[in-house]
Amino acid sequence: MLNTAAYRLSHFLSSIMLILAGVVLTSQQGFASITWLHSFFSTLFEVLPILLLGLGGLLCLFYGRTRQAALLIVVYLSHYILANEADYFRTHGVVRESTALTFHMCSLLLPLLYGVYAAWSERAQLVQDLVARSAVLIAVTGVAVAMARRYPDDVLQWLVAIRVEQLQGPLTQALIQFSYAAFALTFLVLLIQYLRHPRVLHASQLVAVLGLYWMLLNTFMLPEALVVMSSMVMLALIVAVAQEAYQMAFLDELTGLPGRRALNERMARLGRNYVIAMTDVDHFKKFNDTYGHDVGDQVLRMVASQLRKVSGGGTAYRYGGEEFTVLYPGKSISECLPHLEALRRNIEEYRMRLRDKQSRPEDAKRGRNQRGQSKSQHVSVAISIGVAERSDEHRDPQEVIKAADQALYKAKEAGRNRVVAYGQKAVPATRRKAVATR
């Protein structure tokens, strides 16, 4: 069953912006009307593809993204091959005999190779993965070049032959019919890939297919279409690698909240007034032992979702394990306590429904039909919160965290499920609930 909550517009945002920027830069109404700006971008894009291939390839290999490195090579090779033909056409105003064959073969092999590499997941062994991908590229291009040189006329006739008359029209004359089929197949495969595994990398690969399609359509029609769009596609792939690298370093994979490293970076830029709250899920080990780690992970995600909605200007971070941190820049304890108490109450009142594993349906349709009939139980969890603020006694953020930890221990000693400020007595909880109720 698809997890619709994992699909995010942010996965596509950077790639879409880059591809749209490429369309604008190459349009006749774009930067061409401004002479000096057009000259600047023309000079930049002359060297940009090779720079992106070198620097981007190193970045991909550093993070073990051999798939993206292979995609960069495929896009660059296509740009390099087609650029020679396009330059000759613009210089002499005529098309060479080899141009049609070269263009049509690229329009077929580019989407196919791109689709194969984009759907080909990385393997554990980096060197073996690179060797395998290189072997495929060499074999495919080698066979294509050999056939083009040995049987140029036969290959060209086979490529340009119209096999489905109904699909031929004014909008489908720029490329051969095989190319449209290859792009459609690649787009479908990568769409399924993203739907099954929503990631920034998969989203960028999907959007880049549209950029490559637009590039081929306008290779000979717009002067800068080839170099600009190939650069934007390569840049979109590289930015996606950087985005995922950032997420790996600064975002917690389970909860989606900023992690410990992000918290440390933020604390280094705090002002003179701030409040730090340390939060811990009560009896979490007992809950894990009773219901299992899968349900425990669901609890952590639920708590994280409530923390993400904390009011009062706070930002939540996962500190580690079942501990979370809420940071309030420019606030005092008196301003934050009502919001933290509301957070505690929301989590206490949230009831999670657990379905019996034996009666769990195999698919979503059966689940809808069995809704309200299957045996299930509801569980609820509670959190304890310790709060501290910067003061003359605690000037450093790490000292404030230690003070908040001390307040958290007091909250647990006083019976858990409550908010306790450093230096104050434990405030009794307004209501207590069992960790699990049937």
Protein backbone atom coordinates (compact mmCIF):
# COMPACT_ATOMS: atom_id res chain seq x y z
CA MET A 1 0.00 0.00 0.00
CA LEU A 2 1.31 3.44 -0.91
CA ASN A 3 2.29 5.77 1.91
CA THR A 4 0.80 9.03 0.69
CA ALA A 5 2.18 10.93 3.69
CA ALA A 6 5.70 10.38 2.31
CA TYR A 7 5.00 12.26 -0.95
CA ARG A 8 6.16 15.85 -0.66
CA LEU A 9 6.28 18.77 -3.05
CA SER A 10 9.72 19.61 -1.66
CA HIS A 11 11.05 16.47 -3.35
CA PHE A 12 10.34 18.05 -6.75
CA LEU A 13 10.79 21.74 -6.03
CA SER A 14 14.50 22.24 -6.81
CA SER A 15 14.41 20.06 -9.94
CA ILE A 16 11.33 21.78 -11.33
CA MET A 17 12.83 25.22 -10.72
CA LEU A 18 16.06 24.28 -12.51
CA ILE A 19 14.28 22.79 -15.52
CA LEU A 20 11.98 25.82 -15.78
CA ALA A 21 15.02 28.10 -15.52
CA GLY A 22 16.53 26.24 -18.47
CA VAL A 23 13.38 26.79 -20.51
CA VAL A 24 13.39 30.52 -19.71
CA LEU A 25 17.10 30.95 -20.46
CA THR A 26 16.75 29.39 -23.90
CA SER A 27 13.49 31.02 -24.92
CA GLN A 28 13.49 33.72 -27.55
CA GLN A 29 11.86 36.13 -25.10
CA GLY A 30 14.27 35.28 -22.29
CA PHE A 31 17.71 36.65 -21.55
CA ALA A 32 18.54 36.92 -25.25
CA SER A 33 16.95 40.37 -25.27
CA ILE A 34 19.58 41.60 -22.80
CA THR A 35 22.85 41.53 -24.70
CA TRP A 36 25.36 41.55 -21.87
CA LEU A 37 23.39 39.04 -19.80
CA HIS A 38 22.98 36.72 -22.75
CA SER A 39 26.71 36.96 -23.45
CA PHE A 40 27.50 36.13 -19.82
CA PHE A 41 25.29 33.03 -19.75
CA SER A 42 26.55 31.89 -23.14
CA THR A 43 30.13 31.97 -21.85
CA LEU A 44 29.14 30.25 -18.63
CA PHE A 45 27.29 27.39 -20.28
CA GLU A 46 30.17 26.68 -22.65
CA VAL A 47 32.20 25.29 -19.74
CA LEU A 48 29.41 24.37 -17.32
CA PRO A 49 28.69 20.83 -18.59
CA ILE A 50 32.27 19.63 -18.18
CA LEU A 51 32.53 21.32 -14.77
CA LEU A 52 29.32 19.67 -13.61
CA LEU A 53 30.52 16.30 -14.87
CA GLY A 54 33.81 16.60 -12.98
CA LEU A 55 32.71 18.19 -9.72
CA GLY A 56 29.31 16.51 -9.66
CA GLY A 57 30.81 13.12 -10.44
CA LEU A 58 33.25 13.46 -7.53
CA LEU A 59 30.39 14.44 -5.20
CA CYS A 60 28.33 11.44 -6.32
CA LEU A 61 31.21 9.02 -5.83
CA PHE A 62 32.04 10.52 -2.43
CA TYR A 63 28.53 9.68 -1.21
CA GLY A 64 28.44 6.35 -3.08
CA ARG A 65 25.83 7.52 -5.61
CA THR A 66 27.07 5.59 -8.61
CA ARG A 67 23.63 5.76 -10.18
CA GLN A 68 23.72 9.57 -10.35
CA ALA A 69 27.34 9.50 -11.54
CA ALA A 70 26.33 7.23 -14.43
CA LEU A 71 23.39 9.50 -15.29
CA LEU A 72 25.73 12.50 -15.42
CA ILE A 73 27.98 10.63 -17.86
CA VAL A 74 25.06 9.64 -20.10
CA VAL A 75 23.69 13.20 -20.22
CA TYR A 76 27.13 14.70 -20.87
CA LEU A 77 27.96 12.23 -23.66
CA SER A 78 24.65 13.02 -25.36
CA HIS A 79 25.38 16.74 -25.09
CA TYR A 80 28.90 16.29 -26.45
CA ILE A 81 27.80 14.21 -29.44
CA LEU A 82 24.86 16.40 -30.39
CA ALA A 83 26.77 19.67 -29.84
CA ASN A 84 29.12 18.90 -32.72
CA GLU A 85 26.21 18.34 -35.08
CA ALA A 86 24.31 21.41 -33.87
CA ASP A 87 27.39 23.65 -34.17
CA TYR A 88 28.02 22.51 -37.73
CA PHE A 89 24.40 23.20 -38.64
CA ARG A 90 24.49 26.74 -37.21
CA THR A 91 27.87 27.51 -38.78
CA HIS A 92 27.18 26.24 -42.31
CA GLY A 93 23.40 26.36 -42.39
CA VAL A 94 23.17 22.82 -43.75
CA VAL A 95 22.77 19.40 -42.21
CA ARG A 96 25.53 16.84 -42.69
CA GLU A 97 24.67 13.36 -43.91
CA SER A 98 25.59 11.90 -40.56
CA THR A 99 23.54 14.39 -38.55
CA ALA A 100 20.16 12.71 -38.98
CA LEU A 101 21.50 9.28 -38.04
CA THR A 102 23.42 10.64 -35.05
CA PHE A 103 20.47 12.65 -33.76
CA HIS A 104 17.93 9.84 -34.14
CA MET A 105 20.20 7.30 -32.45
CA CYS A 106 20.80 9.69 -29.55
CA SER A 107 17.09 10.40 -29.24
CA LEU A 108 16.54 6.65 -28.82
CA LEU A 109 19.55 5.65 -26.71
CA LEU A 110 19.46 8.64 -24.34
CA PRO A 111 16.06 7.89 -22.75
CA LEU A 112 16.75 4.15 -22.72
CA LEU A 113 20.15 4.39 -21.05
CA TYR A 114 18.89 7.09 -18.72
CA GLY A 115 15.95 4.90 -17.70
CA VAL A 116 18.12 1.83 -17.14
CA TYR A 117 20.61 3.68 -14.96
CA ALA A 118 17.95 5.62 -13.04
CA ALA A 119 16.08 2.42 -12.15
CA TRP A 120 19.30 0.52 -11.40
CA SER A 121 19.89 0.78 -7.64
CA GLU A 122 23.37 1.05 -6.18
CA ARG A 123 25.12 -2.11 -5.04
CA ALA A 124 27.15 -2.62 -1.92
CA GLN A 125 30.48 -2.77 -3.76
CA LEU A 126 31.22 0.64 -5.28
CA VAL A 127 33.92 -0.57 -7.69
CA GLN A 128 31.86 -3.51 -8.94
CA ASP A 129 28.87 -1.25 -9.46
CA LEU A 130 30.92 1.21 -11.49
CA VAL A 131 32.42 -1.59 -13.59
CA ALA A 132 28.97 -3.06 -14.31
CA ARG A 133 27.50 0.30 -15.33
CA SER A 134 30.54 1.11 -17.47
CA ALA A 135 30.29 -2.27 -19.19
CA VAL A 136 26.65 -1.66 -20.10
CA LEU A 137 27.44 1.82 -21.47
CA ILE A 138 30.41 0.60 -23.51
CA ALA A 139 28.50 -2.39 -24.87
CA VAL A 140 25.42 -0.39 -25.92
CA THR A 141 27.33 2.52 -27.46
CA GLY A 142 29.82 0.17 -29.10
CA VAL A 143 27.10 -1.82 -30.83
CA ALA A 144 25.28 1.36 -31.87
CA VAL A 145 28.41 2.94 -33.35
CA ALA A 146 29.40 -0.26 -35.16
CA MET A 147 25.96 -0.65 -36.75
CA ALA A 148 25.83 3.04 -37.71
CA ARG A 149 29.16 2.80 -39.51
CA ARG A 150 28.56 -0.57 -41.13
CA TYR A 151 24.91 -0.10 -42.17
CA PRO A 152 24.16 3.66 -41.98
CA ASP A 153 21.33 3.73 -44.51
CA ASP A 154 19.61 0.61 -43.20
CA VAL A 155 19.81 1.79 -39.59
CA LEU A 156 18.47 5.23 -40.49
CA GLN A 157 15.55 3.80 -42.43
CA TRP A 158 14.72 1.45 -39.57
CA LEU A 159 14.76 4.32 -37.07
CA VAL A 160 12.64 6.79 -39.03
CA ALA A 161 10.08 4.26 -40.24
CA ILE A 162 6.52 5.16 -39.21
CA ARG A 163 5.00 2.10 -37.56
CA VAL A 164 1.85 3.59 -36.06
CA GLU A 165 0.17 6.00 -38.47
CA GLN A 166 -2.33 7.16 -35.85
CA LEU A 167 0.48 8.56 -33.66
CA GLN A 168 2.01 10.64 -36.42
CA GLY A 169 1.06 14.31 -36.39
CA PRO A 170 2.38 17.87 -36.15
CA LEU A 171 3.33 17.38 -32.50
CA THR A 172 5.15 14.09 -33.05
CA GLN A 173 7.34 14.82 -36.05
CA ALA A 174 10.44 16.20 -34.30
CA LEU A 175 11.53 12.81 -32.96
CA ILE A 176 11.27 9.27 -34.25
CA GLN A 177 8.42 7.15 -32.92
CA PHE A 178 10.83 4.90 -31.02
CA SER A 179 12.03 7.95 -29.08
CA TYR A 180 8.54 8.85 -27.87
CA ALA A 181 8.00 5.27 -26.77
CA ALA A 182 11.36 5.21 -24.97
CA PHE A 183 10.61 8.46 -23.12
CA ALA A 184 7.12 7.27 -22.16
CA LEU A 185 8.46 3.96 -20.84
CA THR A 186 11.26 5.65 -18.90
CA PHE A 187 8.89 8.20 -17.37
CA LEU A 188 6.47 5.43 -16.32
CA VAL A 189 9.20 3.32 -14.74
CA LEU A 190 10.63 6.27 -12.80
CA LEU A 191 7.15 7.38 -11.73
CA ILE A 192 6.52 3.91 -10.27
CA GLN A 193 9.93 4.06 -8.62
CA TYR A 194 9.07 7.33 -6.90
CA LEU A 195 5.61 6.12 -5.85
CA ARG A 196 7.16 3.05 -4.24
CA HIS A 197 10.12 4.86 -2.70
CA PRO A 198 9.50 8.63 -2.41
CA ARG A 199 12.92 10.28 -2.29
CA VAL A 200 14.49 13.48 -3.53
CA LEU A 201 16.78 11.51 -5.84
CA HIS A 202 13.89 9.64 -7.43
CA ALA A 203 11.91 12.85 -7.86
CA SER A 204 14.84 14.62 -9.56
CA GLN A 205 15.37 11.69 -11.93
CA LEU A 206 11.70 11.83 -12.89
CA VAL A 207 11.66 15.58 -13.54
CA ALA A 208 14.95 15.39 -15.45
CA VAL A 209 13.29 13.10 -18.02
CA LEU A 210 11.06 16.02 -19.01
CA GLY A 211 14.12 18.26 -19.33
CA LEU A 212 15.87 15.78 -21.63
CA TYR A 213 12.73 15.44 -23.75
CA TRP A 214 12.46 19.22 -24.14
CA MET A 215 16.18 19.40 -24.94
CA LEU A 216 15.94 16.95 -27.83
CA LEU A 217 12.85 18.62 -29.25
CA ASN A 218 14.66 21.97 -29.45
CA THR A 219 18.25 20.94 -30.17
CA PHE A 220 18.23 22.50 -33.66
CA MET A 221 15.42 25.00 -33.11
CA LEU A 222 16.82 27.01 -30.18
CA PRO A 223 20.53 27.93 -30.23
CA GLU A 224 21.24 27.33 -26.52
CA ALA A 225 18.71 24.56 -25.83
CA LEU A 226 21.23 21.72 -25.85
CA VAL A 227 23.94 23.16 -23.63
CA VAL A 228 21.61 24.96 -21.21
CA MET A 229 19.13 22.14 -20.64
CA SER A 230 21.78 19.43 -20.39
CA SER A 231 23.50 21.60 -17.75
CA MET A 232 20.24 22.11 -15.86
CA VAL A 233 19.48 18.39 -15.90
CA MET A 234 22.95 17.58 -14.57
CA LEU A 235 22.62 20.31 -11.95
CA ALA A 236 19.24 18.94 -10.84
CA LEU A 237 20.76 15.50 -10.30
CA ILE A 238 23.68 16.96 -8.35
CA VAL A 239 21.44 19.15 -6.17
CA ALA A 240 19.35 16.08 -5.32
CA VAL A 241 22.47 14.26 -4.14
CA ALA A 242 23.39 17.26 -1.97
CA GLN A 243 19.84 17.43 -0.57
CA GLU A 244 19.86 13.80 0.46
CA ALA A 245 23.33 14.19 1.93
CA TYR A 246 21.99 17.07 4.03
CA GLN A 247 19.02 15.00 5.13
CA MET A 248 21.27 12.12 6.13
CA ALA A 249 23.41 14.45 8.22
CA PHE A 250 20.79 16.73 9.76
CA LEU A 251 17.40 14.94 9.65
CA ASP A 252 16.36 11.93 11.68
CA GLU A 253 15.30 9.17 9.29
CA LEU A 254 12.62 7.62 11.51
CA THR A 255 10.77 10.73 12.65
CA GLY A 256 11.69 13.28 9.99
CA LEU A 257 12.62 15.80 12.68
CA PRO A 258 15.96 17.63 12.67
CA GLY A 259 18.55 15.49 14.42
CA ARG A 260 21.28 16.02 16.99
CA ARG A 261 23.69 17.61 14.55
CA ALA A 262 21.07 20.13 13.43
CA LEU A 263 20.41 20.97 17.09
CA ASN A 264 24.10 21.59 17.72
CA GLU A 265 24.31 23.83 14.67
CA ARG A 266 21.28 25.83 15.84
CA MET A 267 22.56 26.19 19.41
CA ALA A 268 25.76 27.73 18.09
CA ARG A 269 23.70 30.66 16.74
CA LEU A 270 21.43 31.33 19.72
CA GLY A 271 21.07 34.78 21.23
CA ARG A 272 21.05 35.80 24.87
CA ASN A 273 17.54 34.59 25.70
CA TYR A 274 16.23 31.13 24.96
CA VAL A 275 14.50 28.14 26.52
CA ILE A 276 15.34 24.47 26.05
CA ALA A 277 12.89 21.68 26.89
CA MET A 278 13.98 18.04 27.15
CA THR A 279 11.20 15.54 26.45
CA ASP A 280 11.13 11.81 27.14
CA VAL A 281 8.48 9.18 26.34
CA ASP A 282 7.37 7.59 29.61
CA HIS A 283 7.92 3.82 30.05
CA PHE A 284 9.06 3.52 26.45
CA LYS A 285 11.23 0.42 27.09
CA LYS A 286 8.28 -1.37 28.71
CA PHE A 287 6.09 -0.32 25.78
CA ASN A 288 8.64 -1.71 23.31
CA ASP A 289 8.91 -5.01 25.19
CA THR A 290 5.11 -5.34 25.30
CA TYR A 291 4.14 -4.41 21.75
CA GLY A 292 7.36 -4.80 19.78
CA HIS A 293 9.78 -2.42 18.09
CA ASP A 294 7.55 -1.79 15.07
CA VAL A 295 4.83 -0.35 17.30
CA GLY A 296 7.52 1.48 19.25
CA ASP A 297 8.64 3.16 16.03
CA GLN A 298 5.04 4.16 15.35
CA VAL A 299 4.88 5.74 18.81
CA LEU A 300 8.03 7.75 18.16
CA ARG A 301 6.63 8.95 14.83
CA MET A 302 3.36 9.93 16.50
CA VAL A 303 5.17 11.86 19.24
CA ALA A 304 7.35 13.52 16.61
CA SER A 305 4.28 14.57 14.62
CA GLN A 306 2.86 16.27 17.74
CA LEU A 307 6.20 17.88 18.53
CA ARG A 308 6.36 19.22 14.98
CA LYS A 309 3.12 21.11 15.70
CA VAL A 310 4.28 22.58 19.02
CA SER A 311 3.03 26.14 19.45
CA GLY A 312 4.73 29.24 20.78
CA GLY A 313 7.53 29.42 18.22
CA GLY A 314 9.32 26.26 19.34
CA THR A 315 11.31 23.94 17.10
CA ALA A 316 11.52 20.22 17.87
CA TYR A 317 14.61 18.03 17.43
CA ARG A 318 15.23 14.35 18.04
CA TYR A 319 17.93 14.18 20.69
CA GLY A 320 18.35 10.41 20.67
CA GLY A 321 16.37 7.26 21.46
CA GLU A 322 13.02 8.30 22.92
CA GLU A 323 14.31 11.75 23.88
CA PHE A 324 13.38 14.93 22.04
CA THR A 325 14.37 18.56 22.43
CA VAL A 326 12.22 21.66 21.92
CA LEU A 327 14.08 24.93 21.41
CA TYR A 328 12.47 28.34 22.01
CA PRO A 329 14.73 31.20 20.85
CA GLY A 330 14.07 34.60 22.44
CA LYS A 331 11.58 33.23 24.98
CA SER A 332 11.30 32.88 28.75
CA ILE A 333 10.08 29.89 30.75
CA SER A 334 6.84 31.61 31.71
CA GLU A 335 6.05 32.15 28.01
CA CYS A 336 6.82 28.54 27.05
CA LEU A 337 5.17 26.58 29.87
CA PRO A 338 1.57 26.89 28.55
CA HIS A 339 2.63 25.65 25.12
CA LEU A 340 4.58 22.72 26.56
CA GLU A 341 1.66 21.80 28.80
CA ALA A 342 -0.61 21.82 25.72
CA LEU A 343 1.89 19.58 23.94
CA ARG A 344 1.93 17.13 26.86
CA ARG A 345 -1.87 17.06 26.98
CA ASN A 346 -2.22 16.49 23.22
CA ILE A 347 0.10 13.49 23.34
CA GLU A 348 -1.61 12.11 26.46
CA GLU A 349 -5.03 12.31 24.80
CA TYR A 350 -3.89 10.83 21.48
CA ARG A 351 -5.05 7.23 21.16
CA MET A 352 -3.29 4.88 18.77
CA ARG A 353 -5.23 1.97 17.37
CA LEU A 354 -3.41 -1.34 17.14
CA ARG A 355 -4.96 -4.08 15.01
CA ASP A 356 -4.40 -7.70 15.90
CA LYS A 357 -1.64 -9.00 13.59
CA GLN A 358 -3.55 -12.19 12.81
CA SER A 359 -6.57 -10.22 11.61
CA ARG A 360 -4.57 -7.59 9.71
CA PRO A 361 -5.82 -7.44 6.07
CA GLU A 362 -3.49 -8.18 3.19
CA ASP A 363 -4.43 -5.05 1.23
CA ALA A 364 -6.10 -1.67 1.65
CA LYS A 365 -9.43 -2.77 0.11
CA ARG A 366 -9.90 -5.57 2.61
CA GLY A 367 -8.86 -3.21 5.37
CA ARG A 368 -11.69 -0.81 4.44
CA ASN A 369 -14.21 -3.65 4.33
CA GLN A 370 -13.10 -4.98 7.74
CA ARG A 371 -13.00 -1.57 9.39
CA GLY A 372 -14.85 -1.72 12.68
CA GLN A 373 -15.00 -5.54 12.62
CA SER A 374 -11.45 -6.61 13.39
CA LYS A 375 -10.15 -7.08 16.89
CA SER A 376 -8.04 -4.13 17.91
CA GLN A 377 -6.83 -2.29 20.96
CA HIS A 378 -6.04 1.30 21.69
CA VAL A 379 -2.88 2.47 23.37
CA SER A 380 -1.86 5.85 24.64
CA VAL A 381 1.48 7.18 25.76
CA ALA A 382 2.59 10.06 27.91
CA ILE A 383 5.67 12.25 28.00
CA SER A 384 7.63 14.02 30.70
CA ILE A 385 9.14 17.43 30.02
CA GLY A 386 11.95 19.28 31.77
CA VAL A 387 12.47 22.97 30.97
CA ALA A 388 15.34 25.38 31.57
CA GLU A 389 16.31 28.82 30.29
CA ARG A 390 19.53 30.68 29.84
CA SER A 391 20.54 32.54 32.97
CA ASP A 392 23.58 33.81 34.82
CA GLU A 393 23.88 30.32 36.28
CA HIS A 394 23.61 28.59 32.89
CA ARG A 395 25.17 30.69 30.13
CA ASP A 396 26.15 27.94 27.72
CA PRO A 397 23.52 25.94 25.73
CA GLN A 398 25.02 22.67 26.95
CA GLU A 399 24.60 23.86 30.54
CA VAL A 400 20.98 24.75 29.81
CA ILE A 401 20.42 21.26 28.39
CA LYS A 402 21.87 19.72 31.56
CA ALA A 403 19.56 21.88 33.66
CA ALA A 404 16.59 20.80 31.53
CA ASP A 405 17.69 17.17 32.00
CA GLN A 406 17.70 17.65 35.76
CA ALA A 407 14.17 19.04 35.58
CA LEU A 408 13.18 16.05 33.43
CA TYR A 409 14.47 13.63 36.09
CA LYS A 410 12.42 15.47 38.69
CA ALA A 411 9.33 15.10 36.51
CA LYS A 412 9.91 11.35 36.29
CA GLU A 413 10.56 11.02 40.01
CA ALA A 414 7.34 12.90 40.73
CA GLY A 415 5.26 10.42 38.74
CA ARG A 416 5.93 11.25 35.06
CA ASN A 417 3.44 12.75 32.58
CA ARG A 418 4.09 16.34 33.62
CA VAL A 419 6.07 19.50 32.85
CA VAL A 420 8.71 20.62 35.36
CA ALA A 421 10.79 23.79 35.11
CA TYR A 422 14.31 23.89 36.49
CA GLY A 423 14.40 25.20 40.05
CA GLN A 424 10.65 24.74 40.57
CA LYS A 425 8.63 22.05 42.27
CA ALA A 426 6.99 19.40 40.15
CA VAL A 427 3.53 20.42 38.95
CA PRO A 428 0.98 17.58 39.37
CA ALA A 429 -0.42 16.26 36.11
CA THR A 430 -4.01 17.19 35.45
CA ARG A 431 -4.86 13.66 34.44
CA ARG A 432 -3.08 10.33 34.26
CA LYS A 433 -3.62 7.52 31.88
CA ALA A 434 -2.37 3.98 31.71
CA VAL A 435 0.32 3.39 29.16
CA ALA A 436 -1.92 0.91 27.40
CA THR A 437 -5.69 0.42 27.56
CA ARG A 438 -7.81 -2.04 25.78
